[in-house]
Amino acid sequence: MRYITPIFFQRVEPGGYNADTGDYDRDIVIESMQYADITDSSDRAVEMIYGELREGTLTVRLERPYTAPFDYIRIGNKRYKADMKRSTFQKMALVVSEVQ
């Protein structure tokens, strides 16, 4: 496996209320980059996890587990959410699906 694709773990902090304007400020997105091996999820694995076949699911493998809290994963210009996580002492695997 080659861990060469940059992915970005995103943590979203909601914007606070601005009393001067009466609106809420924009959400703040904090990103942390890691390199991963990314493949399409197999049909069998997708059916086992979701109970049906879905498009846009990927399997993401990391050399080391990512332990910080995160809300989303950005790969390129697309945003994904982690539907399943498996980690061992040395590696981590995630099954992710695209967020619209």
PDB file of N, CA and C in Angstrom:
ATOM      1  N   MET A   1       0.834  -1.174   0.000  1.00  0.00           N
ATOM      2  CA  MET A   1       0.000   0.000   0.000  1.00  0.00           C
ATOM      3  C   MET A   1       0.875   1.232   0.000  1.00  0.00           C
ATOM      4  N   ARG A   2       0.397   2.208  -0.755  1.00  0.00           N
ATOM      5  CA  ARG A   2       1.129   3.469  -0.816  1.00  0.00           C
ATOM      6  C   ARG A   2       0.266   4.564  -0.199  1.00  0.00           C
ATOM      7  N   TYR A   3       0.769   5.152   0.823  1.00  0.00           N
ATOM      8  CA  TYR A   3       0.055   6.216   1.527  1.00  0.00           C
ATOM      9  C   TYR A   3       0.501   7.549   0.934  1.00  0.00           C
ATOM     10  N   ILE A   4      -0.077   7.913  -0.221  1.00  0.00           N
ATOM     11  CA  ILE A   4       0.388   9.095  -0.945  1.00  0.00           C
ATOM     12  C   ILE A   4      -0.702  10.140  -1.181  1.00  0.00           C
ATOM     13  N   THR A   5      -1.948   9.830  -0.856  1.00  0.00           N
ATOM     14  CA  THR A   5      -3.040  10.767  -1.106  1.00  0.00           C
ATOM     15  C   THR A   5      -3.256  11.638   0.122  1.00  0.00           C
ATOM     16  N   PRO A   6      -3.167  12.961  -0.024  1.00  0.00           N
ATOM     17  CA  PRO A   6      -3.422  13.826   1.135  1.00  0.00           C
ATOM     18  C   PRO A   6      -4.921  13.893   1.439  1.00  0.00           C
ATOM     19  N   ILE A   7      -5.252  13.708   2.692  1.00  0.00           N
ATOM     20  CA  ILE A   7      -6.629  13.887   3.149  1.00  0.00           C
ATOM     21  C   ILE A   7      -6.600  14.873   4.305  1.00  0.00           C
ATOM     22  N   PHE A   8      -7.734  15.505   4.558  1.00  0.00           N
ATOM     23  CA  PHE A   8      -7.803  16.538   5.583  1.00  0.00           C
ATOM     24  C   PHE A   8      -8.932  16.209   6.554  1.00  0.00           C
ATOM     25  N   PHE A   9      -8.576  15.976   7.813  1.00  0.00           N
ATOM     26  CA  PHE A   9      -9.572  15.783   8.855  1.00  0.00           C
ATOM     27  C   PHE A   9     -10.068  17.163   9.261  1.00  0.00           C
ATOM     28  N   GLN A  10     -11.380  17.341   9.244  1.00  0.00           N
ATOM     29  CA  GLN A  10     -11.962  18.648   9.536  1.00  0.00           C
ATOM     30  C   GLN A  10     -12.745  18.611  10.843  1.00  0.00           C
ATOM     31  N   ARG A  11     -12.514  19.627  11.644  1.00  0.00           N
ATOM     32  CA  ARG A  11     -13.316  19.844  12.852  1.00  0.00           C
ATOM     33  C   ARG A  11     -14.013  21.185  12.676  1.00  0.00           C
ATOM     34  N   VAL A  12     -15.332  21.195  12.818  1.00  0.00           N
ATOM     35  CA  VAL A  12     -16.131  22.387  12.580  1.00  0.00           C
ATOM     36  C   VAL A  12     -16.535  22.986  13.918  1.00  0.00           C
ATOM     37  N   GLU A  13     -16.170  24.268  14.117  1.00  0.00           N
ATOM     38  CA  GLU A  13     -16.585  24.999  15.303  1.00  0.00           C
ATOM     39  C   GLU A  13     -17.655  25.990  14.868  1.00  0.00           C
ATOM     40  N   PRO A  14     -18.869  25.873  15.396  1.00  0.00           N
ATOM     41  CA  PRO A  14     -19.937  26.764  14.952  1.00  0.00           C
ATOM     42  C   PRO A  14     -19.645  28.217  15.323  1.00  0.00           C
ATOM     43  N   GLY A  15     -20.054  29.103  14.416  1.00  0.00           N
ATOM     44  CA  GLY A  15     -19.860  30.529  14.663  1.00  0.00           C
ATOM     45  C   GLY A  15     -20.772  31.019  15.773  1.00  0.00           C
ATOM     46  N   GLY A  16     -20.276  31.957  16.535  1.00  0.00           N
ATOM     47  CA  GLY A  16     -21.041  32.497  17.652  1.00  0.00           C
ATOM     48  C   GLY A  16     -21.960  33.625  17.218  1.00  0.00           C
ATOM     49  N   TYR A  17     -22.814  34.010  18.109  1.00  0.00           N
ATOM     50  CA  TYR A  17     -23.764  35.089  17.847  1.00  0.00           C
ATOM     51  C   TYR A  17     -23.047  36.431  17.903  1.00  0.00           C
ATOM     52  N   ASN A  18     -23.264  37.266  16.899  1.00  0.00           N
ATOM     53  CA  ASN A  18     -22.682  38.602  16.837  1.00  0.00           C
ATOM     54  C   ASN A  18     -23.773  39.601  17.204  1.00  0.00           C
ATOM     55  N   ALA A  19     -23.657  40.190  18.375  1.00  0.00           N
ATOM     56  CA  ALA A  19     -24.686  41.115  18.853  1.00  0.00           C
ATOM     57  C   ALA A  19     -24.742  42.399  18.033  1.00  0.00           C
ATOM     58  N   ASP A  20     -23.633  42.798  17.417  1.00  0.00           N
ATOM     59  CA  ASP A  20     -23.616  44.026  16.623  1.00  0.00           C
ATOM     60  C   ASP A  20     -24.458  43.898  15.354  1.00  0.00           C
ATOM     61  N   THR A  21     -24.375  42.772  14.684  1.00  0.00           N
ATOM     62  CA  THR A  21     -25.107  42.582  13.431  1.00  0.00           C
ATOM     63  C   THR A  21     -26.408  41.817  13.624  1.00  0.00           C
ATOM     64  N   GLY A  22     -26.548  41.097  14.728  1.00  0.00           N
ATOM     65  CA  GLY A  22     -27.742  40.299  14.964  1.00  0.00           C
ATOM     66  C   GLY A  22     -27.719  38.971  14.227  1.00  0.00           C
ATOM     67  N   ASP A  23     -26.596  38.640  13.615  1.00  0.00           N
ATOM     68  CA  ASP A  23     -26.452  37.382  12.884  1.00  0.00           C
ATOM     69  C   ASP A  23     -25.424  36.494  13.577  1.00  0.00           C
ATOM     70  N   TYR A  24     -25.358  35.263  13.107  1.00  0.00           N
ATOM     71  CA  TYR A  24     -24.325  34.349  13.579  1.00  0.00           C
ATOM     72  C   TYR A  24     -23.125  34.437  12.649  1.00  0.00           C
ATOM     73  N   ASP A  25     -21.929  34.367  13.219  1.00  0.00           N
ATOM     74  CA  ASP A  25     -20.713  34.368  12.416  1.00  0.00           C
ATOM     75  C   ASP A  25     -20.590  33.037  11.687  1.00  0.00           C
ATOM     76  N   ARG A  26     -19.735  33.004  10.678  1.00  0.00           N
ATOM     77  CA  ARG A  26     -19.510  31.778   9.913  1.00  0.00           C
ATOM     78  C   ARG A  26     -18.850  30.713  10.775  1.00  0.00           C
ATOM     79  N   ASP A  27     -19.111  29.461  10.404  1.00  0.00           N
ATOM     80  CA  ASP A  27     -18.445  28.347  11.083  1.00  0.00           C
ATOM     81  C   ASP A  27     -16.954  28.385  10.782  1.00  0.00           C
ATOM     82  N   ILE A  28     -16.158  27.954  11.752  1.00  0.00           N
ATOM     83  CA  ILE A  28     -14.713  27.884  11.581  1.00  0.00           C
ATOM     84  C   ILE A  28     -14.343  26.423  11.357  1.00  0.00           C
ATOM     85  N   VAL A  29     -13.655  26.157  10.243  1.00  0.00           N
ATOM     86  CA  VAL A  29     -13.238  24.790   9.911  1.00  0.00           C
ATOM     87  C   VAL A  29     -11.739  24.683  10.143  1.00  0.00           C
ATOM     88  N   ILE A  30     -11.348  23.757  11.015  1.00  0.00           N
ATOM     89  CA  ILE A  30      -9.942  23.518  11.320  1.00  0.00           C
ATOM     90  C   ILE A  30      -9.557  22.194  10.671  1.00  0.00           C
ATOM     91  N   GLU A  31      -8.488  22.216   9.856  1.00  0.00           N
ATOM     92  CA  GLU A  31      -8.084  21.025   9.117  1.00  0.00           C
ATOM     93  C   GLU A  31      -6.721  20.519   9.580  1.00  0.00           C
ATOM     94  N   SER A  32      -6.580  19.199   9.517  1.00  0.00           N
ATOM     95  CA  SER A  32      -5.317  18.546   9.813  1.00  0.00           C
ATOM     96  C   SER A  32      -5.040  17.546   8.697  1.00  0.00           C
ATOM     97  N   MET A  33      -3.889  17.663   8.023  1.00  0.00           N
ATOM     98  CA  MET A  33      -3.583  16.818   6.884  1.00  0.00           C
ATOM     99  C   MET A  33      -2.864  15.538   7.293  1.00  0.00           C
ATOM    100  N   GLN A  34      -3.230  14.436   6.649  1.00  0.00           N
ATOM    101  CA  GLN A  34      -2.573  13.144   6.792  1.00  0.00           C
ATOM    102  C   GLN A  34      -2.463  12.541   5.398  1.00  0.00           C
ATOM    103  N   TYR A  35      -1.563  11.595   5.218  1.00  0.00           N
ATOM    104  CA  TYR A  35      -1.467  10.869   3.958  1.00  0.00           C
ATOM    105  C   TYR A  35      -2.143   9.510   4.133  1.00  0.00           C
ATOM    106  N   ALA A  36      -2.882   9.088   3.098  1.00  0.00           N
ATOM    107  CA  ALA A  36      -3.657   7.859   3.199  1.00  0.00           C
ATOM    108  C   ALA A  36      -3.615   7.070   1.908  1.00  0.00           C
ATOM    109  N   ASP A  37      -3.989   5.802   2.014  1.00  0.00           N
ATOM    110  CA  ASP A  37      -4.217   4.931   0.867  1.00  0.00           C
ATOM    111  C   ASP A  37      -5.728   4.851   0.705  1.00  0.00           C
ATOM    112  N   ILE A  38      -6.245   5.232  -0.465  1.00  0.00           N
ATOM    113  CA  ILE A  38      -7.685   5.303  -0.691  1.00  0.00           C
ATOM    114  C   ILE A  38      -8.066   4.366  -1.823  1.00  0.00           C
ATOM    115  N   THR A  39      -9.105   3.545  -1.578  1.00  0.00           N
ATOM    116  CA  THR A  39      -9.644   2.658  -2.602  1.00  0.00           C
ATOM    117  C   THR A  39     -11.169   2.723  -2.543  1.00  0.00           C
ATOM    118  N   ASP A  40     -11.815   2.311  -3.630  1.00  0.00           N
ATOM    119  CA  ASP A  40     -13.266   2.174  -3.614  1.00  0.00           C
ATOM    120  C   ASP A  40     -13.633   1.017  -2.699  1.00  0.00           C
ATOM    121  N   SER A  41     -14.707   1.177  -1.958  1.00  0.00           N
ATOM    122  CA  SER A  41     -15.160   0.093  -1.084  1.00  0.00           C
ATOM    123  C   SER A  41     -15.783  -1.006  -1.926  1.00  0.00           C
ATOM    124  N   SER A  42     -15.573  -2.244  -1.513  1.00  0.00           N
ATOM    125  CA  SER A  42     -16.145  -3.369  -2.249  1.00  0.00           C
ATOM    126  C   SER A  42     -17.658  -3.399  -2.043  1.00  0.00           C
ATOM    127  N   ASP A  43     -18.364  -3.971  -3.002  1.00  0.00           N
ATOM    128  CA  ASP A  43     -19.819  -4.061  -2.910  1.00  0.00           C
ATOM    129  C   ASP A  43     -20.254  -4.855  -1.685  1.00  0.00           C
ATOM    130  N   ARG A  44     -19.512  -5.900  -1.372  1.00  0.00           N
ATOM    131  CA  ARG A  44     -19.862  -6.728  -0.220  1.00  0.00           C
ATOM    132  C   ARG A  44     -19.728  -5.945   1.090  1.00  0.00           C
ATOM    133  N   ALA A  45     -18.641  -5.199   1.220  1.00  0.00           N
ATOM    134  CA  ALA A  45     -18.435  -4.410   2.439  1.00  0.00           C
ATOM    135  C   ALA A  45     -19.499  -3.322   2.570  1.00  0.00           C
ATOM    136  N   VAL A  46     -19.838  -2.673   1.468  1.00  0.00           N
ATOM    137  CA  VAL A  46     -20.852  -1.615   1.499  1.00  0.00           C
ATOM    138  C   VAL A  46     -22.205  -2.190   1.901  1.00  0.00           C
ATOM    139  N   GLU A  47     -22.535  -3.353   1.368  1.00  0.00           N
ATOM    140  CA  GLU A  47     -23.814  -3.970   1.706  1.00  0.00           C
ATOM    141  C   GLU A  47     -23.855  -4.410   3.163  1.00  0.00           C
ATOM    142  N   MET A  48     -22.730  -4.867   3.698  1.00  0.00           N
ATOM    143  CA  MET A  48     -22.689  -5.270   5.102  1.00  0.00           C
ATOM    144  C   MET A  48     -22.842  -4.067   6.034  1.00  0.00           C
ATOM    145  N   ILE A  49     -22.241  -2.948   5.679  1.00  0.00           N
ATOM    146  CA  ILE A  49     -22.277  -1.768   6.552  1.00  0.00           C
ATOM    147  C   ILE A  49     -23.612  -1.052   6.479  1.00  0.00           C
ATOM    148  N   TYR A  50     -24.107  -0.827   5.261  1.00  0.00           N
ATOM    149  CA  TYR A  50     -25.304  -0.009   5.071  1.00  0.00           C
ATOM    150  C   TYR A  50     -26.571  -0.828   4.864  1.00  0.00           C
ATOM    151  N   GLY A  51     -26.442  -2.119   4.534  1.00  0.00           N
ATOM    152  CA  GLY A  51     -27.612  -2.920   4.254  1.00  0.00           C
ATOM    153  C   GLY A  51     -28.120  -2.770   2.832  1.00  0.00           C
ATOM    154  N   GLU A  52     -27.447  -1.975   2.049  1.00  0.00           N
ATOM    155  CA  GLU A  52     -27.797  -1.743   0.646  1.00  0.00           C
ATOM    156  C   GLU A  52     -26.558  -1.263  -0.082  1.00  0.00           C
ATOM    157  N   LEU A  53     -26.585  -1.301  -1.390  1.00  0.00           N
ATOM    158  CA  LEU A  53     -25.461  -0.793  -2.168  1.00  0.00           C
ATOM    159  C   LEU A  53     -25.556   0.724  -2.257  1.00  0.00           C
ATOM    160  N   ARG A  54     -24.445   1.392  -2.076  1.00  0.00           N
ATOM    161  CA  ARG A  54     -24.386   2.853  -2.162  1.00  0.00           C
ATOM    162  C   ARG A  54     -23.215   3.261  -3.025  1.00  0.00           C
ATOM    163  N   GLU A  55     -23.374   4.374  -3.699  1.00  0.00           N
ATOM    164  CA  GLU A  55     -22.273   4.928  -4.474  1.00  0.00           C
ATOM    165  C   GLU A  55     -21.554   5.971  -3.627  1.00  0.00           C
ATOM    166  N   GLY A  56     -20.316   6.248  -3.986  1.00  0.00           N
ATOM    167  CA  GLY A  56     -19.562   7.292  -3.301  1.00  0.00           C
ATOM    168  C   GLY A  56     -18.968   6.872  -1.983  1.00  0.00           C
ATOM    169  N   THR A  57     -18.768   5.578  -1.758  1.00  0.00           N
ATOM    170  CA  THR A  57     -18.130   5.133  -0.524  1.00  0.00           C
ATOM    171  C   THR A  57     -16.693   4.724  -0.824  1.00  0.00           C
ATOM    172  N   LEU A  58     -15.812   5.102   0.075  1.00  0.00           N
ATOM    173  CA  LEU A  58     -14.390   4.824  -0.077  1.00  0.00           C
ATOM    174  C   LEU A  58     -13.862   4.155   1.184  1.00  0.00           C
ATOM    175  N   THR A  59     -12.790   3.411   1.021  1.00  0.00           N
ATOM    176  CA  THR A  59     -12.056   2.865   2.153  1.00  0.00           C
ATOM    177  C   THR A  59     -10.754   3.645   2.264  1.00  0.00           C
ATOM    178  N   VAL A  60     -10.535   4.244   3.422  1.00  0.00           N
ATOM    179  CA  VAL A  60      -9.364   5.078   3.678  1.00  0.00           C
ATOM    180  C   VAL A  60      -8.504   4.367   4.708  1.00  0.00           C
ATOM    181  N   ARG A  61      -7.241   4.169   4.383  1.00  0.00           N
ATOM    182  CA  ARG A  61      -6.313   3.502   5.302  1.00  0.00           C
ATOM    183  C   ARG A  61      -5.189   4.461   5.669  1.00  0.00           C
ATOM    184  N   LEU A  62      -4.883   4.511   6.960  1.00  0.00           N
ATOM    185  CA  LEU A  62      -3.813   5.366   7.475  1.00  0.00           C
ATOM    186  C   LEU A  62      -2.718   4.496   8.082  1.00  0.00           C
ATOM    187  N   GLU A  63      -1.480   4.979   7.978  1.00  0.00           N
ATOM    188  CA  GLU A  63      -0.367   4.244   8.594  1.00  0.00           C
ATOM    189  C   GLU A  63      -0.425   4.278  10.106  1.00  0.00           C
ATOM    190  N   ARG A  64      -0.907   5.385  10.652  1.00  0.00           N
ATOM    191  CA  ARG A  64      -1.030   5.537  12.098  1.00  0.00           C
ATOM    192  C   ARG A  64      -2.441   6.012  12.416  1.00  0.00           C
ATOM    193  N   PRO A  65      -3.013   5.558  13.512  1.00  0.00           N
ATOM    194  CA  PRO A  65      -4.360   6.003  13.864  1.00  0.00           C
ATOM    195  C   PRO A  65      -4.415   7.512  14.098  1.00  0.00           C
ATOM    196  N   TYR A  66      -5.507   8.122  13.636  1.00  0.00           N
ATOM    197  CA  TYR A  66      -5.752   9.543  13.885  1.00  0.00           C
ATOM    198  C   TYR A  66      -6.664   9.610  15.103  1.00  0.00           C
ATOM    199  N   THR A  67      -6.187  10.191  16.188  1.00  0.00           N
ATOM    200  CA  THR A  67      -6.912  10.128  17.452  1.00  0.00           C
ATOM    201  C   THR A  67      -7.649  11.415  17.814  1.00  0.00           C
ATOM    202  N   ALA A  68      -7.371  12.502  17.136  1.00  0.00           N
ATOM    203  CA  ALA A  68      -8.046  13.764  17.451  1.00  0.00           C
ATOM    204  C   ALA A  68      -9.504  13.709  16.976  1.00  0.00           C
ATOM    205  N   PRO A  69     -10.402  14.422  17.654  1.00  0.00           N
ATOM    206  CA  PRO A  69     -11.800  14.422  17.207  1.00  0.00           C
ATOM    207  C   PRO A  69     -11.940  15.139  15.863  1.00  0.00           C
ATOM    208  N   PHE A  70     -12.847  14.632  15.020  1.00  0.00           N
ATOM    209  CA  PHE A  70     -13.098  15.266  13.730  1.00  0.00           C
ATOM    210  C   PHE A  70     -14.557  15.074  13.343  1.00  0.00           C
ATOM    211  N   ASP A  71     -15.048  15.957  12.483  1.00  0.00           N
ATOM    212  CA  ASP A  71     -16.424  15.884  12.008  1.00  0.00           C
ATOM    213  C   ASP A  71     -16.509  15.324  10.598  1.00  0.00           C
ATOM    214  N   TYR A  72     -15.580  15.734   9.740  1.00  0.00           N
ATOM    215  CA  TYR A  72     -15.597  15.339   8.335  1.00  0.00           C
ATOM    216  C   TYR A  72     -14.178  15.035   7.863  1.00  0.00           C
ATOM    217  N   ILE A  73     -14.100  14.432   6.683  1.00  0.00           N
ATOM    218  CA  ILE A  73     -12.829  14.211   6.007  1.00  0.00           C
ATOM    219  C   ILE A  73     -12.958  14.809   4.619  1.00  0.00           C
ATOM    220  N   ARG A  74     -12.016  15.656   4.250  1.00  0.00           N
ATOM    221  CA  ARG A  74     -12.023  16.236   2.903  1.00  0.00           C
ATOM    222  C   ARG A  74     -10.962  15.535   2.077  1.00  0.00           C
ATOM    223  N   ILE A  75     -11.392  15.027   0.917  1.00  0.00           N
ATOM    224  CA  ILE A  75     -10.487  14.405  -0.043  1.00  0.00           C
ATOM    225  C   ILE A  75     -10.679  15.162  -1.348  1.00  0.00           C
ATOM    226  N   GLY A  76      -9.662  15.899  -1.764  1.00  0.00           N
ATOM    227  CA  GLY A  76      -9.827  16.779  -2.920  1.00  0.00           C
ATOM    228  C   GLY A  76     -10.815  17.874  -2.570  1.00  0.00           C
ATOM    229  N   ASN A  77     -11.851  18.027  -3.391  1.00  0.00           N
ATOM    230  CA  ASN A  77     -12.876  19.041  -3.127  1.00  0.00           C
ATOM    231  C   ASN A  77     -14.149  18.445  -2.544  1.00  0.00           C
ATOM    232  N   LYS A  78     -14.146  17.155  -2.232  1.00  0.00           N
ATOM    233  CA  LYS A  78     -15.337  16.492  -1.721  1.00  0.00           C
ATOM    234  C   LYS A  78     -15.205  16.249  -0.221  1.00  0.00           C
ATOM    235  N   ARG A  79     -16.345  16.328   0.456  1.00  0.00           N
ATOM    236  CA  ARG A  79     -16.395  16.136   1.891  1.00  0.00           C
ATOM    237  C   ARG A  79     -17.066  14.796   2.191  1.00  0.00           C
ATOM    238  N   TYR A  80     -16.480  14.046   3.125  1.00  0.00           N
ATOM    239  CA  TYR A  80     -16.977  12.723   3.495  1.00  0.00           C
ATOM    240  C   TYR A  80     -17.187  12.662   4.996  1.00  0.00           C
ATOM    241  N   LYS A  81     -18.066  11.734   5.425  1.00  0.00           N
ATOM    242  CA  LYS A  81     -18.205  11.454   6.855  1.00  0.00           C
ATOM    243  C   LYS A  81     -17.798  10.011   7.097  1.00  0.00           C
ATOM    244  N   ALA A  82     -17.244   9.758   8.245  1.00  0.00           N
ATOM    245  CA  ALA A  82     -16.787   8.410   8.594  1.00  0.00           C
ATOM    246  C   ALA A  82     -17.967   7.595   9.100  1.00  0.00           C
ATOM    247  N   ASP A  83     -18.268   6.492   8.408  1.00  0.00           N
ATOM    248  CA  ASP A  83     -19.364   5.622   8.802  1.00  0.00           C
ATOM    249  C   ASP A  83     -18.881   4.446   9.639  1.00  0.00           C
ATOM    250  N   MET A  84     -17.622   4.063   9.475  1.00  0.00           N
ATOM    251  CA  MET A  84     -17.061   2.962  10.240  1.00  0.00           C
ATOM    252  C   MET A  84     -15.571   3.212  10.452  1.00  0.00           C
ATOM    253  N   LYS A  85     -15.094   2.951  11.662  1.00  0.00           N
ATOM    254  CA  LYS A  85     -13.671   3.099  11.979  1.00  0.00           C
ATOM    255  C   LYS A  85     -13.163   1.815  12.600  1.00  0.00           C
ATOM    256  N   ARG A  86     -12.000   1.408  12.160  1.00  0.00           N
ATOM    257  CA  ARG A  86     -11.299   0.275  12.761  1.00  0.00           C
ATOM    258  C   ARG A  86      -9.852   0.697  12.940  1.00  0.00           C
ATOM    259  N   SER A  87      -9.351   0.554  14.146  1.00  0.00           N
ATOM    260  CA  SER A  87      -7.949   0.916  14.354  1.00  0.00           C
ATOM    261  C   SER A  87      -7.270  -0.142  15.207  1.00  0.00           C
ATOM    262  N   THR A  88      -6.011  -0.316  14.901  1.00  0.00           N
ATOM    263  CA  THR A  88      -5.160  -1.168  15.690  1.00  0.00           C
ATOM    264  C   THR A  88      -4.083  -0.276  16.289  1.00  0.00           C
ATOM    265  N   PHE A  89      -3.111  -0.890  16.879  1.00  0.00           N
ATOM    266  CA  PHE A  89      -2.030  -0.111  17.482  1.00  0.00           C
ATOM    267  C   PHE A  89      -1.270   0.702  16.436  1.00  0.00           C
ATOM    268  N   GLN A  90      -1.112   0.151  15.232  1.00  0.00           N
ATOM    269  CA  GLN A  90      -0.290   0.809  14.225  1.00  0.00           C
ATOM    270  C   GLN A  90      -1.049   1.379  13.046  1.00  0.00           C
ATOM    271  N   LYS A  91      -2.241   0.887  12.720  1.00  0.00           N
ATOM    272  CA  LYS A  91      -2.934   1.323  11.512  1.00  0.00           C
ATOM    273  C   LYS A  91      -4.377   1.666  11.808  1.00  0.00           C
ATOM    274  N   MET A  92      -5.021   2.327  10.824  1.00  0.00           N
ATOM    275  CA  MET A  92      -6.425   2.697  10.960  1.00  0.00           C
ATOM    276  C   MET A  92      -7.091   2.579   9.608  1.00  0.00           C
ATOM    277  N   ALA A  93      -8.318   2.083   9.595  1.00  0.00           N
ATOM    278  CA  ALA A  93      -9.102   1.990   8.370  1.00  0.00           C
ATOM    279  C   ALA A  93     -10.457   2.639   8.616  1.00  0.00           C
ATOM    280  N   LEU A  94     -10.926   3.412   7.641  1.00  0.00           N
ATOM    281  CA  LEU A  94     -12.213   4.090   7.724  1.00  0.00           C
ATOM    282  C   LEU A  94     -13.010   3.782   6.467  1.00  0.00           C
ATOM    283  N   VAL A  95     -14.304   3.583   6.615  1.00  0.00           N
ATOM    284  CA  VAL A  95     -15.200   3.529   5.473  1.00  0.00           C
ATOM    285  C   VAL A  95     -15.971   4.833   5.510  1.00  0.00           C
ATOM    286  N   VAL A  96     -15.872   5.609   4.437  1.00  0.00           N
ATOM    287  CA  VAL A  96     -16.458   6.942   4.412  1.00  0.00           C
ATOM    288  C   VAL A  96     -17.464   7.044   3.281  1.00  0.00           C
ATOM    289  N   SER A  97     -18.465   7.924   3.462  1.00  0.00           N
ATOM    290  CA  SER A  97     -19.446   8.175   2.411  1.00  0.00           C
ATOM    291  C   SER A  97     -19.516   9.678   2.181  1.00  0.00           C
ATOM    292  N   GLU A  98     -19.832  10.024   0.948  1.00  0.00           N
ATOM    293  CA  GLU A  98     -19.829  11.431   0.532  1.00  0.00           C
ATOM    294  C   GLU A  98     -20.996  12.170   1.170  1.00  0.00           C
ATOM    295  N   VAL A  99     -20.731  13.392   1.613  1.00  0.00           N
ATOM    296  CA  VAL A  99     -21.753  14.272   2.197  1.00  0.00           C
ATOM    297  C   VAL A  99     -22.182  15.243   1.116  1.00  0.00           C
ATOM    298  N   GLN A 100     -23.487  15.386   0.962  1.00  0.00           N
ATOM    299  CA  GLN A 100     -23.996  16.303  -0.079  1.00  0.00           C
ATOM    300  C   GLN A 100     -23.936  17.730   0.394  1.00  0.00           C
TER     301      GLN A 100
END
